[in-house]
Amino acid sequence: MAIYYLPPDPVFPDPLIDDVDDIVAIGGDLSVDRLLMAYKNGIFPWYDMDSPILWWSPDPRLILRPWELHISKRLFRTIKQDKFKITINHAFYDVIRLCSSVKRKDSQGTWLVPEMIDAYCKLHQLGYAHSVEAWYGDYLAGGLYGICLGGVFFGESMFYRVSNASKVAFVWLVLLLNHTGFKIIDCQQVTSHLMSFGAAPISRREFLIELKKALWLDYDPSIWVPRVISSDKRLLPHKP
């Protein structure tokens, strides 16, 4: 296995080189140019306070094609009850901060170190990173954020403080992306939680081929205008 040390320029090794494992590179920085180059090549940063910047391209890769979304009957009933109001880009900083601080049962710490938060907030200011929020009254009950390039949404992290809040936010996001013609939601790592929504693992080679095609697609940037999306009942299927 080879791990490549990155030069000052925002370049990356080819993830399809035979001797590259899930970690394809180490070092570099979190500049906007480097991050965008990484995502366009199917690579993302993931590390903690005790390590240098690590750049990943997992094999297999978990993706969800928006039209293959599966909604359980129980979750569908929760959505239909309008327990949560779902918004877009209303509270990006709060979402990423809570993704960093809310404890998970399966996690010992956080990979969202301060410089990562700063980097993604900058991407948000430039129109590349977006948040989806679930509100229980005026309380931010859950949410998620990710990167949008072409016809691809790269999911990064989610949190919840009220049961089902992040699930409902995720469903509304997928419904919106399906309605607007997105081709791939990158879920990165294989988890049973996301597979329950219809996500499936594919090989890194297959992912990179699909990614290259989807990046050329155009989308209407107005989909990210801050608003309430759960009021648009046209997006909801008639049944799960």
Protein backbone atom coordinates (compact mmCIF):
# COMPACT_ATOMS: atom_id res chain seq x y z
CA MET A 1 0.00 0.00 0.00
CA ALA A 2 1.28 3.47 -0.93
CA ILE A 3 0.25 6.73 0.74
CA TYR A 4 1.24 9.86 -1.16
CA TYR A 5 2.47 13.03 0.52
CA LEU A 6 0.82 16.01 -1.13
CA PRO A 7 2.82 18.89 -2.63
CA PRO A 8 1.89 22.56 -2.12
CA ASP A 9 -0.17 22.58 -5.34
CA PRO A 10 -3.79 21.29 -5.08
CA VAL A 11 -3.20 17.97 -6.86
CA PHE A 12 -3.96 14.37 -5.91
CA PRO A 13 -2.81 10.91 -7.00
CA ASP A 14 -5.13 8.88 -9.20
CA PRO A 15 -7.34 6.81 -6.83
CA LEU A 16 -7.30 3.98 -9.37
CA ILE A 17 -3.57 3.37 -9.07
CA ASP A 18 -3.25 -0.29 -8.11
CA ASP A 19 -1.28 0.21 -4.90
CA VAL A 20 -3.57 2.87 -3.42
CA ASP A 21 -5.75 1.84 -0.47
CA ASP A 22 -8.68 3.71 1.12
CA ILE A 23 -6.27 6.44 2.31
CA VAL A 24 -4.82 7.87 -0.89
CA ALA A 25 -2.80 10.82 0.44
CA ILE A 26 -1.57 12.63 3.51
CA GLY A 27 -0.77 16.26 4.25
CA GLY A 28 -1.57 19.34 2.21
CA ASP A 29 -4.13 21.86 3.43
CA LEU A 30 -7.86 22.56 3.47
CA SER A 31 -7.87 25.41 0.97
CA VAL A 32 -10.96 25.85 -1.21
CA ASP A 33 -9.06 24.86 -4.35
CA ARG A 34 -7.70 21.68 -2.80
CA LEU A 35 -11.04 20.65 -1.33
CA LEU A 36 -12.89 21.16 -4.62
CA MET A 37 -10.21 19.25 -6.50
CA ALA A 38 -10.49 16.44 -3.97
CA TYR A 39 -14.25 16.06 -4.29
CA LYS A 40 -14.10 16.19 -8.07
CA ASN A 41 -11.74 13.22 -7.88
CA GLY A 42 -13.82 11.24 -5.39
CA ILE A 43 -11.55 12.07 -2.44
CA PHE A 44 -12.45 13.64 0.89
CA PRO A 45 -10.61 14.60 4.11
CA TRP A 46 -11.21 12.65 7.31
CA TYR A 47 -8.90 12.80 10.31
CA ASP A 48 -8.80 13.78 13.97
CA MET A 49 -6.88 16.09 16.27
CA ASP A 50 -4.05 13.58 16.72
CA SER A 51 -3.26 12.98 13.05
CA PRO A 52 -2.22 14.93 9.97
CA ILE A 53 -4.77 15.57 7.22
CA LEU A 54 -5.78 12.23 5.69
CA TRP A 55 -7.45 12.01 2.28
CA TRP A 56 -9.78 9.07 1.59
CA SER A 57 -11.28 7.31 -1.42
CA PRO A 58 -12.96 4.21 0.05
CA ASP A 59 -13.39 0.99 -1.88
CA PRO A 60 -16.23 0.07 -1.86
CA ARG A 61 -18.07 3.39 -1.86
CA LEU A 62 -21.61 3.83 -0.55
CA ILE A 63 -23.94 5.84 -2.77
CA LEU A 64 -27.64 6.53 -2.97
CA ARG A 65 -29.28 7.20 -6.32
CA PRO A 66 -32.09 9.60 -5.32
CA TRP A 67 -34.80 7.71 -7.20
CA GLU A 68 -33.94 4.56 -5.22
CA LEU A 69 -34.78 6.13 -1.85
CA HIS A 70 -36.52 3.76 0.55
CA ILE A 71 -38.72 5.24 3.29
CA SER A 72 -39.98 2.89 5.99
CA LYS A 73 -43.70 3.00 6.76
CA ARG A 74 -43.00 4.22 10.29
CA LEU A 75 -40.77 7.06 9.11
CA PHE A 76 -43.26 7.95 6.36
CA ARG A 77 -45.98 8.35 9.01
CA THR A 78 -43.67 10.64 11.01
CA ILE A 79 -43.05 12.76 7.92
CA LYS A 80 -46.76 13.01 7.14
CA GLN A 81 -47.44 14.20 10.71
CA ASP A 82 -45.38 17.38 10.07
CA LYS A 83 -43.66 17.01 13.42
CA PHE A 84 -40.57 18.74 11.98
CA LYS A 85 -40.22 21.79 9.76
CA ILE A 86 -37.40 21.19 7.27
CA THR A 87 -35.38 24.11 5.93
CA ILE A 88 -32.40 24.62 3.65
CA ASN A 89 -29.40 26.82 4.46
CA HIS A 90 -31.05 28.52 7.44
CA ALA A 91 -28.37 27.61 10.00
CA PHE A 92 -25.28 26.16 8.34
CA TYR A 93 -22.86 27.11 11.11
CA ASP A 94 -25.14 25.72 13.82
CA VAL A 95 -25.55 22.46 11.90
CA ILE A 96 -21.84 21.85 11.40
CA ARG A 97 -21.10 22.84 15.01
CA LEU A 98 -23.68 20.37 16.29
CA CYS A 99 -22.43 17.66 13.93
CA SER A 100 -19.11 18.17 15.69
CA SER A 101 -20.36 18.28 19.26
CA VAL A 102 -23.39 15.98 19.54
CA LYS A 103 -22.20 12.59 20.78
CA ARG A 104 -22.97 9.43 18.84
CA LYS A 105 -23.24 5.93 20.24
CA ASP A 106 -20.80 4.58 17.64
CA SER A 107 -18.16 7.34 17.92
CA GLN A 108 -15.43 8.09 20.44
CA GLY A 109 -14.80 11.61 19.21
CA THR A 110 -15.14 13.91 16.24
CA TRP A 111 -13.34 14.29 12.94
CA LEU A 112 -14.75 17.83 12.62
CA VAL A 113 -11.73 19.61 14.06
CA PRO A 114 -11.82 23.45 14.12
CA GLU A 115 -9.93 23.89 10.83
CA MET A 116 -12.40 21.53 9.13
CA ILE A 117 -15.33 23.59 10.38
CA ASP A 118 -13.66 26.79 9.13
CA ALA A 119 -12.99 25.22 5.73
CA TYR A 120 -16.57 24.04 5.18
CA CYS A 121 -17.99 27.34 6.39
CA LYS A 122 -15.89 29.01 3.71
CA LEU A 123 -17.26 26.57 1.13
CA HIS A 124 -20.75 27.47 2.32
CA GLN A 125 -20.06 31.18 1.88
CA LEU A 126 -18.93 30.44 -1.69
CA GLY A 127 -22.07 28.44 -2.48
CA TYR A 128 -20.61 24.92 -2.49
CA ALA A 129 -21.64 23.62 0.95
CA HIS A 130 -25.25 23.44 2.12
CA SER A 131 -27.22 22.50 5.20
CA VAL A 132 -30.63 20.98 5.80
CA GLU A 133 -32.25 21.64 9.16
CA ALA A 134 -35.05 19.90 11.07
CA TRP A 135 -36.87 22.20 13.50
CA TYR A 136 -39.09 21.09 16.37
CA GLY A 137 -40.83 24.37 16.97
CA ASP A 138 -37.95 26.84 17.31
CA TYR A 139 -35.54 24.12 18.45
CA LEU A 140 -32.89 22.85 16.01
CA ALA A 141 -33.64 19.16 16.44
CA GLY A 142 -31.40 17.72 13.74
CA GLY A 143 -29.74 18.33 10.43
CA LEU A 144 -27.03 17.52 7.95
CA TYR A 145 -24.65 19.21 5.56
CA GLY A 146 -22.66 18.39 2.46
CA ILE A 147 -21.06 19.61 -0.75
CA CYS A 148 -22.84 20.08 -4.07
CA LEU A 149 -20.99 19.84 -7.39
CA GLY A 150 -22.76 19.21 -10.68
CA GLY A 151 -25.34 16.48 -10.23
CA VAL A 152 -23.70 15.12 -7.09
CA PHE A 153 -24.35 15.80 -3.41
CA PHE A 154 -21.48 14.70 -1.18
CA GLY A 155 -22.96 14.00 2.24
CA GLU A 156 -20.61 14.89 5.08
CA SER A 157 -22.26 14.60 8.48
CA MET A 158 -25.56 14.67 10.33
CA PHE A 159 -26.79 14.97 13.90
CA TYR A 160 -30.00 14.74 15.87
CA ARG A 161 -31.17 15.92 19.27
CA VAL A 162 -34.75 14.72 18.82
CA SER A 163 -35.48 11.19 17.61
CA ASN A 164 -35.97 10.91 13.82
CA ALA A 165 -35.05 14.55 13.16
CA SER A 166 -31.99 13.85 11.00
CA LYS A 167 -33.82 11.01 9.20
CA VAL A 168 -36.66 13.31 8.20
CA ALA A 169 -34.20 16.00 7.09
CA PHE A 170 -32.32 13.44 5.00
CA VAL A 171 -35.49 12.17 3.32
CA TRP A 172 -36.60 15.67 2.35
CA LEU A 173 -33.15 16.39 0.93
CA VAL A 174 -33.21 13.22 -1.18
CA LEU A 175 -36.73 13.99 -2.42
CA LEU A 176 -35.60 17.47 -3.45
CA LEU A 177 -32.47 16.18 -5.20
CA ASN A 178 -34.49 13.57 -7.06
CA HIS A 179 -36.99 16.21 -8.18
CA THR A 180 -34.18 18.40 -9.54
CA GLY A 181 -32.34 15.66 -11.45
CA PHE A 182 -29.37 14.82 -9.23
CA LYS A 183 -27.70 11.50 -10.02
CA ILE A 184 -25.62 10.59 -6.96
CA ILE A 185 -25.65 11.15 -3.23
CA ASP A 186 -22.22 10.15 -1.96
CA CYS A 187 -22.60 8.50 1.44
CA GLN A 188 -18.86 7.73 1.65
CA GLN A 189 -18.56 4.90 4.17
CA VAL A 190 -20.73 1.77 4.16
CA THR A 191 -23.21 1.85 7.08
CA SER A 192 -26.34 -0.17 7.74
CA HIS A 193 -28.15 3.05 8.69
CA LEU A 194 -27.79 4.59 5.23
CA MET A 195 -28.32 1.27 3.47
CA SER A 196 -31.74 1.16 5.12
CA PHE A 197 -32.60 4.21 2.98
CA GLY A 198 -31.67 2.39 -0.23
CA ALA A 199 -27.97 3.27 -0.43
CA ALA A 200 -25.76 0.56 -1.89
CA PRO A 201 -22.00 -0.05 -2.06
CA ILE A 202 -20.27 0.03 -5.43
CA SER A 203 -16.62 -0.35 -6.36
CA ARG A 204 -14.37 2.67 -6.33
CA ARG A 205 -13.85 2.30 -10.08
CA GLU A 206 -17.60 2.29 -10.75
CA PHE A 207 -18.09 5.26 -8.43
CA LEU A 208 -15.42 7.33 -10.18
CA ILE A 209 -16.92 6.58 -13.59
CA GLU A 210 -20.39 7.64 -12.45
CA LEU A 211 -18.95 10.67 -10.65
CA LYS A 212 -17.17 11.92 -13.76
CA LYS A 213 -20.41 11.85 -15.75
CA ALA A 214 -22.54 13.41 -13.01
CA LEU A 215 -20.16 16.32 -12.43
CA TRP A 216 -20.94 17.62 -15.92
CA LEU A 217 -24.64 18.02 -15.14
CA ASP A 218 -26.09 21.44 -14.46
CA TYR A 219 -28.59 22.15 -11.72
CA ASP A 220 -30.72 25.13 -10.82
CA PRO A 221 -28.81 26.93 -8.02
CA SER A 222 -32.10 28.31 -6.72
CA ILE A 223 -32.74 24.95 -5.03
CA TRP A 224 -30.34 26.12 -2.30
CA VAL A 225 -32.14 29.41 -1.63
CA PRO A 226 -32.96 29.41 2.12
CA ARG A 227 -36.55 28.32 2.57
CA VAL A 228 -38.89 25.73 4.09
CA ILE A 229 -38.90 22.66 1.86
CA SER A 230 -41.25 20.50 3.92
CA SER A 231 -44.13 22.76 2.83
CA ASP A 232 -43.79 21.49 -0.75
CA LYS A 233 -45.97 18.40 -0.52
CA ARG A 234 -45.50 17.72 -4.25
CA LEU A 235 -42.16 16.17 -3.39
CA LEU A 236 -43.69 13.50 -1.16
CA PRO A 237 -44.55 10.13 -2.70
CA HIS A 238 -48.13 8.93 -2.25
CA LYS A 239 -46.90 5.98 -0.20
CA PRO A 240 -43.53 4.65 1.07
